[in-house]
C-alpha atoms as a PDB file:
ATOM      1  CA  UNK A   1       0.000   0.000   0.000  1.00  0.00           C
ATOM      2  CA  UNK A   2       1.348   3.401  -0.950  1.00  0.00           C
ATOM      3  CA  UNK A   3       0.826   5.891   1.881  1.00  0.00           C
ATOM      4  CA  UNK A   4       0.671   9.640   2.178  1.00  0.00           C
ATOM      5  CA  UNK A   5       1.732  11.083   5.550  1.00  0.00           C
ATOM      6  CA  UNK A   6       0.049   9.481   8.536  1.00  0.00           C
ATOM      7  CA  UNK A   7      -3.120   8.763   6.540  1.00  0.00           C
ATOM      8  CA  UNK A   8      -3.046   5.528   4.613  1.00  0.00           C
ATOM      9  CA  UNK A   9      -4.171   6.217   1.076  1.00  0.00           C
ATOM     10  CA  UNK A  10      -4.243   3.502  -1.528  1.00  0.00           C
ATOM     11  CA  UNK A  11      -3.470   4.935  -4.947  1.00  0.00           C
ATOM     12  CA  UNK A  12      -4.615   3.425  -8.217  1.00  0.00           C
ATOM     13  CA  UNK A  13      -3.646   3.762 -11.850  1.00  0.00           C
ATOM     14  CA  UNK A  14      -6.181   2.872 -14.526  1.00  0.00           C
ATOM     15  CA  UNK A  15      -4.632   2.271 -17.940  1.00  0.00           C
ATOM     16  CA  UNK A  16      -6.912   3.053 -20.857  1.00  0.00           C
ATOM     17  CA  UNK A  17      -5.977   1.599 -24.201  1.00  0.00           C
ATOM     18  CA  UNK A  18      -7.775   0.673 -27.374  1.00  0.00           C
ATOM     19  CA  UNK A  19      -7.148  -1.132 -30.582  1.00  0.00           C
ATOM     20  CA  UNK A  20      -4.000  -2.956 -29.458  1.00  0.00           C
ATOM     21  CA  UNK A  21      -5.500  -5.995 -27.843  1.00  0.00           C
ATOM     22  CA  UNK A  22      -4.783  -7.220 -24.343  1.00  0.00           C
ATOM     23  CA  UNK A  23      -3.288  -9.252 -22.749  1.00  0.00           C
ATOM     24  CA  UNK A  24      -1.539 -10.951 -25.685  1.00  0.00           C
ATOM     25  CA  UNK A  25      -0.441 -10.288 -29.206  1.00  0.00           C
ATOM     26  CA  UNK A  26       1.902  -7.306 -29.402  1.00  0.00           C
ATOM     27  CA  UNK A  27       4.630  -5.179 -27.825  1.00  0.00           C
ATOM     28  CA  UNK A  28       2.131  -2.598 -26.513  1.00  0.00           C
ATOM     29  CA  UNK A  29       0.396  -5.210 -24.362  1.00  0.00           C
ATOM     30  CA  UNK A  30       3.763  -6.358 -23.032  1.00  0.00           C
ATOM     31  CA  UNK A  31       4.842  -2.766 -22.240  1.00  0.00           C
ATOM     32  CA  UNK A  32       1.571  -2.067 -20.401  1.00  0.00           C
ATOM     33  CA  UNK A  33       2.016  -5.270 -18.381  1.00  0.00           C
ATOM     34  CA  UNK A  34       5.575  -4.273 -17.413  1.00  0.00           C
ATOM     35  CA  UNK A  35       4.409  -0.824 -16.260  1.00  0.00           C
ATOM     36  CA  UNK A  36       1.493  -2.357 -14.348  1.00  0.00           C
ATOM     37  CA  UNK A  37       3.671  -4.942 -12.603  1.00  0.00           C
ATOM     38  CA  UNK A  38       6.180  -2.249 -11.586  1.00  0.00           C
ATOM     39  CA  UNK A  39       3.431  -0.059 -10.116  1.00  0.00           C
ATOM     40  CA  UNK A  40       1.874  -3.005  -8.289  1.00  0.00           C
ATOM     41  CA  UNK A  41       5.273  -3.918  -6.862  1.00  0.00           C
ATOM     42  CA  UNK A  42       5.471  -0.339  -5.567  1.00  0.00           C
ATOM     43  CA  UNK A  43       2.128  -0.734  -3.800  1.00  0.00           C
ATOM     44  CA  UNK A  44      -0.055   1.056  -6.332  1.00  0.00           C
ATOM     45  CA  UNK A  45      -3.138  -0.697  -7.727  1.00  0.00           C
ATOM     46  CA  UNK A  46      -3.135  -1.034 -11.509  1.00  0.00           C
ATOM     47  CA  UNK A  47      -5.938  -2.108 -13.830  1.00  0.00           C
ATOM     48  CA  UNK A  48      -6.657  -1.841 -17.538  1.00  0.00           C
ATOM     49  CA  UNK A  49      -9.702  -0.788 -19.558  1.00  0.00           C
ATOM     50  CA  UNK A  50      -9.522  -1.778 -23.218  1.00  0.00           C
ATOM     51  CA  UNK A  51     -11.850   0.426 -25.261  1.00  0.00           C
ATOM     52  CA  UNK A  52     -12.374  -1.428 -28.476  1.00  0.00           C
ATOM     53  CA  UNK A  53     -12.027  -4.939 -29.796  1.00  0.00           C
ATOM     54  CA  UNK A  54      -8.737  -6.786 -30.153  1.00  0.00           C
ATOM     55  CA  UNK A  55      -7.155  -6.883 -33.607  1.00  0.00           C
ATOM     56  CA  UNK A  56      -5.593 -10.215 -32.634  1.00  0.00           C
ATOM     57  CA  UNK A  57      -7.736 -13.348 -32.329  1.00  0.00           C
ATOM     58  CA  UNK A  58      -5.475 -14.741 -29.589  1.00  0.00           C
ATOM     59  CA  UNK A  59      -7.381 -12.563 -27.080  1.00  0.00           C
ATOM     60  CA  UNK A  60     -10.666 -14.243 -26.197  1.00  0.00           C
ATOM     61  CA  UNK A  61     -11.628 -13.141 -22.663  1.00  0.00           C
ATOM     62  CA  UNK A  62     -13.621  -9.955 -22.088  1.00  0.00           C
ATOM     63  CA  UNK A  63     -12.173  -9.617 -18.593  1.00  0.00           C
ATOM     64  CA  UNK A  64      -9.715 -11.381 -16.375  1.00  0.00           C
ATOM     65  CA  UNK A  65      -6.377 -11.102 -14.633  1.00  0.00           C
ATOM     66  CA  UNK A  66      -3.125 -11.438 -16.561  1.00  0.00           C
ATOM     67  CA  UNK A  67       0.154 -11.588 -14.621  1.00  0.00           C
ATOM     68  CA  UNK A  68      -1.582  -9.872 -11.719  1.00  0.00           C
ATOM     69  CA  UNK A  69      -3.117  -7.126 -13.900  1.00  0.00           C
ATOM     70  CA  UNK A  70      -6.946  -6.990 -13.878  1.00  0.00           C
ATOM     71  CA  UNK A  71      -8.288  -6.086 -17.318  1.00  0.00           C
ATOM     72  CA  UNK A  72     -11.667  -5.491 -18.898  1.00  0.00           C
ATOM     73  CA  UNK A  73     -12.878  -4.740 -22.416  1.00  0.00           C
ATOM     74  CA  UNK A  74     -15.585  -2.080 -22.685  1.00  0.00           C
ATOM     75  CA  UNK A  75     -16.731  -3.807 -25.893  1.00  0.00           C
ATOM     76  CA  UNK A  76     -16.750  -7.266 -27.390  1.00  0.00           C
ATOM     77  CA  UNK A  77     -13.289  -8.781 -27.795  1.00  0.00           C
ATOM     78  CA  UNK A  78     -13.548  -9.811 -31.449  1.00  0.00           C
ATOM     79  CA  UNK A  79     -13.286  -7.038 -34.039  1.00  0.00           C
ATOM     80  CA  UNK A  80     -16.248  -7.102 -36.454  1.00  0.00           C
ATOM     81  CA  UNK A  81     -15.359  -7.379 -40.135  1.00  0.00           C
ATOM     82  CA  UNK A  82     -18.222  -5.092 -41.203  1.00  0.00           C
ATOM     83  CA  UNK A  83     -17.185  -1.409 -41.089  1.00  0.00           C
ATOM     84  CA  UNK A  84     -20.553  -0.165 -39.780  1.00  0.00           C
ATOM     85  CA  UNK A  85     -20.570  -2.804 -37.020  1.00  0.00           C
ATOM     86  CA  UNK A  86     -16.973  -1.888 -36.118  1.00  0.00           C
ATOM     87  CA  UNK A  87     -17.860   1.829 -35.841  1.00  0.00           C
ATOM     88  CA  UNK A  88     -20.815   0.945 -33.614  1.00  0.00           C
ATOM     89  CA  UNK A  89     -18.590  -1.220 -31.393  1.00  0.00           C
ATOM     90  CA  UNK A  90     -16.124   1.650 -30.940  1.00  0.00           C
ATOM     91  CA  UNK A  91     -18.985   4.068 -30.159  1.00  0.00           C
ATOM     92  CA  UNK A  92     -20.222   1.599 -27.555  1.00  0.00           C
ATOM     93  CA  UNK A  93     -16.652   1.389 -26.195  1.00  0.00           C
ATOM     94  CA  UNK A  94     -16.505   5.176 -25.737  1.00  0.00           C
ATOM     95  CA  UNK A  95     -19.859   5.144 -23.950  1.00  0.00           C
ATOM     96  CA  UNK A  96     -18.587   2.369 -21.666  1.00  0.00           C
ATOM     97  CA  UNK A  97     -15.408   4.345 -21.017  1.00  0.00           C
ATOM     98  CA  UNK A  98     -17.434   7.446 -20.106  1.00  0.00           C
ATOM     99  CA  UNK A  99     -19.534   5.440 -17.644  1.00  0.00           C
ATOM    100  CA  UNK A 100     -16.448   3.956 -15.980  1.00  0.00           C
ATOM    101  CA  UNK A 101     -14.708   7.331 -15.712  1.00  0.00           C
ATOM    102  CA  UNK A 102     -17.816   8.875 -14.128  1.00  0.00           C
ATOM    103  CA  UNK A 103     -17.715   6.055 -11.543  1.00  0.00           C
ATOM    104  CA  UNK A 104     -14.041   6.891 -10.841  1.00  0.00           C
ATOM    105  CA  UNK A 105     -14.757  10.576 -10.159  1.00  0.00           C
ATOM    106  CA  UNK A 106     -15.311  10.158  -6.394  1.00  0.00           C
ATOM    107  CA  UNK A 107     -11.861   8.507  -6.241  1.00  0.00           C
ATOM    108  CA  UNK A 108     -10.105  11.178  -8.347  1.00  0.00           C
ATOM    109  CA  UNK A 109      -7.782  12.286  -5.527  1.00  0.00           C
ATOM    110  CA  UNK A 110      -6.230   8.830  -5.408  1.00  0.00           C
ATOM    111  CA  UNK A 111      -6.644   7.833  -9.056  1.00  0.00           C
ATOM    112  CA  UNK A 112      -4.540   8.504 -12.137  1.00  0.00           C
ATOM    113  CA  UNK A 113      -5.436   7.547 -15.684  1.00  0.00           C
ATOM    114  CA  UNK A 114      -2.542   6.269 -17.797  1.00  0.00           C
ATOM    115  CA  UNK A 115      -3.710   6.859 -21.366  1.00  0.00           C
ATOM    116  CA  UNK A 116      -2.051   4.412 -23.724  1.00  0.00           C
ATOM    117  CA  UNK A 117      -3.783   5.713 -26.834  1.00  0.00           C
ATOM    118  CA  UNK A 118      -1.605   7.534 -29.329  1.00  0.00           C
ATOM    119  CA  UNK A 119      -4.074   9.117 -31.692  1.00  0.00           C
ATOM    120  CA  UNK A 120      -7.626   9.516 -32.834  1.00  0.00           C
ATOM    121  CA  UNK A 121     -10.967  10.307 -31.362  1.00  0.00           C
ATOM    122  CA  UNK A 122     -10.473   7.918 -28.416  1.00  0.00           C
ATOM    123  CA  UNK A 123      -7.481   9.948 -27.215  1.00  0.00           C
ATOM    124  CA  UNK A 124      -9.398  13.201 -27.465  1.00  0.00           C
ATOM    125  CA  UNK A 125     -12.550  11.843 -25.781  1.00  0.00           C
ATOM    126  CA  UNK A 126     -10.677  10.119 -22.939  1.00  0.00           C
ATOM    127  CA  UNK A 127      -8.585  13.244 -22.323  1.00  0.00           C
ATOM    128  CA  UNK A 128     -11.604  15.519 -22.397  1.00  0.00           C
ATOM    129  CA  UNK A 129     -13.587  13.258 -20.035  1.00  0.00           C
ATOM    130  CA  UNK A 130     -10.713  13.099 -17.548  1.00  0.00           C
ATOM    131  CA  UNK A 131     -10.314  16.880 -17.698  1.00  0.00           C
ATOM    132  CA  UNK A 132     -13.986  17.664 -16.998  1.00  0.00           C
ATOM    133  CA  UNK A 133     -14.181  14.976 -14.284  1.00  0.00           C
ATOM    134  CA  UNK A 134     -11.005  16.227 -12.578  1.00  0.00           C
ATOM    135  CA  UNK A 135      -9.147  12.926 -12.970  1.00  0.00           C
ATOM    136  CA  UNK A 136      -5.371  13.348 -13.489  1.00  0.00           C
ATOM    137  CA  UNK A 137      -4.164  11.891 -16.778  1.00  0.00           C
ATOM    138  CA  UNK A 138      -0.708  10.866 -17.963  1.00  0.00           C
ATOM    139  CA  UNK A 139      -0.401  10.542 -21.741  1.00  0.00           C
ATOM    140  CA  UNK A 140       1.870   7.784 -23.081  1.00  0.00           C
ATOM    141  CA  UNK A 141       3.935   9.045 -26.013  1.00  0.00           C
ATOM    142  CA  UNK A 142       5.817   6.109 -27.474  1.00  0.00           C
ATOM    143  CA  UNK A 143       5.483   7.409 -31.040  1.00  0.00           C
ATOM    144  CA  UNK A 144       5.256  10.859 -32.555  1.00  0.00           C
ATOM    145  CA  UNK A 145       2.311  10.633 -34.964  1.00  0.00           C
ATOM    146  CA  UNK A 146       2.932  13.967 -36.765  1.00  0.00           C
ATOM    147  CA  UNK A 147       6.283  12.548 -37.922  1.00  0.00           C
ATOM    148  CA  UNK A 148       4.551   9.803 -39.905  1.00  0.00           C
ATOM    149  CA  UNK A 149       3.519  10.491 -43.517  1.00  0.00           C
ATOM    150  CA  UNK A 150       0.206   8.687 -42.934  1.00  0.00           C
ATOM    151  CA  UNK A 151      -0.780  10.961 -40.018  1.00  0.00           C
ATOM    152  CA  UNK A 152      -4.294  12.344 -40.496  1.00  0.00           C
ATOM    153  CA  UNK A 153      -5.174  16.041 -40.339  1.00  0.00           C
ATOM    154  CA  UNK A 154      -7.134  15.360 -37.144  1.00  0.00           C
ATOM    155  CA  UNK A 155      -4.073  13.827 -35.469  1.00  0.00           C
ATOM    156  CA  UNK A 156      -1.841  16.695 -36.648  1.00  0.00           C
ATOM    157  CA  UNK A 157      -4.301  19.083 -34.975  1.00  0.00           C
ATOM    158  CA  UNK A 158      -4.467  16.881 -31.875  1.00  0.00           C
ATOM    159  CA  UNK A 159      -0.693  16.955 -31.434  1.00  0.00           C
ATOM    160  CA  UNK A 160      -0.523  20.745 -31.869  1.00  0.00           C
ATOM    161  CA  UNK A 161      -1.987  21.416 -28.399  1.00  0.00           C
ATOM    162  CA  UNK A 162      -5.102  19.497 -27.307  1.00  0.00           C
ATOM    163  CA  UNK A 163      -3.193  16.356 -26.369  1.00  0.00           C
ATOM    164  CA  UNK A 164      -1.079  18.407 -23.945  1.00  0.00           C
ATOM    165  CA  UNK A 165      -3.841  20.650 -22.611  1.00  0.00           C
ATOM    166  CA  UNK A 166      -5.923  17.614 -21.703  1.00  0.00           C
ATOM    167  CA  UNK A 167      -3.086  15.733 -19.973  1.00  0.00           C
ATOM    168  CA  UNK A 168      -1.634  16.373 -16.537  1.00  0.00           C
ATOM    169  CA  UNK A 169       1.685  14.890 -17.669  1.00  0.00           C
ATOM    170  CA  UNK A 170       3.352  12.779 -20.335  1.00  0.00           C
ATOM    171  CA  UNK A 171       5.396   9.600 -20.308  1.00  0.00           C
ATOM    172  CA  UNK A 172       7.813   9.706 -23.247  1.00  0.00           C
ATOM    173  CA  UNK A 173      10.206   6.987 -24.347  1.00  0.00           C
ATOM    174  CA  UNK A 174      12.850   9.013 -26.177  1.00  0.00           C
ATOM    175  CA  UNK A 175      14.554  12.392 -26.084  1.00  0.00           C
ATOM    176  CA  UNK A 176      13.377  13.134 -29.655  1.00  0.00           C
ATOM    177  CA  UNK A 177       9.713  12.622 -28.681  1.00  0.00           C
ATOM    178  CA  UNK A 178      10.228  14.639 -25.495  1.00  0.00           C
ATOM    179  CA  UNK A 179      11.638  17.592 -27.468  1.00  0.00           C
ATOM    180  CA  UNK A 180       8.871  17.396 -30.099  1.00  0.00           C
ATOM    181  CA  UNK A 181       6.161  17.248 -27.413  1.00  0.00           C
ATOM    182  CA  UNK A 182       7.665  20.157 -25.460  1.00  0.00           C
ATOM    183  CA  UNK A 183       7.819  22.259 -28.643  1.00  0.00           C
ATOM    184  CA  UNK A 184       4.209  21.416 -29.529  1.00  0.00           C
ATOM    185  CA  UNK A 185       3.016  22.218 -25.998  1.00  0.00           C
ATOM    186  CA  UNK A 186       4.699  25.662 -26.109  1.00  0.00           C
ATOM    187  CA  UNK A 187       3.049  26.720 -29.410  1.00  0.00           C
END
């Protein structure tokens, strides 16, 4: 248990991710598990909300515990092949995320959201919800989307300022990303 002064306060980190799949299938899932295990070892609760289906069929459970990390999908686990059905699943995932964040609001003084979403509407919505609910948010920046030629106009806009205004802090994995994010935040 992580404590603060003479009062015993149990802190929690809720990781929000989407589109990567959890607990198996890619490096992102492994990195999230490593972060979660480190926090748990330090006495901080860690759980994961996956907002969207898994792109990898190896993930079959909607909720469970993987290497000590409780996880839950806010949608079905299998990604629909039909585009309309997929859009509806993601909309449902955002609604589920909003409901869960509203439930976390009373615990906001001991809760931090670790946003492991690098682009898109999910990042904006999760950041905006945390901001209006007063829940601190740390944005994972393991890639710099504006540096990619396939980066959408929406994501270019997002990385200009909103991503930094909505976050309380950022977790960056390289000096180059740190410098780019600091420059974008100053503009």
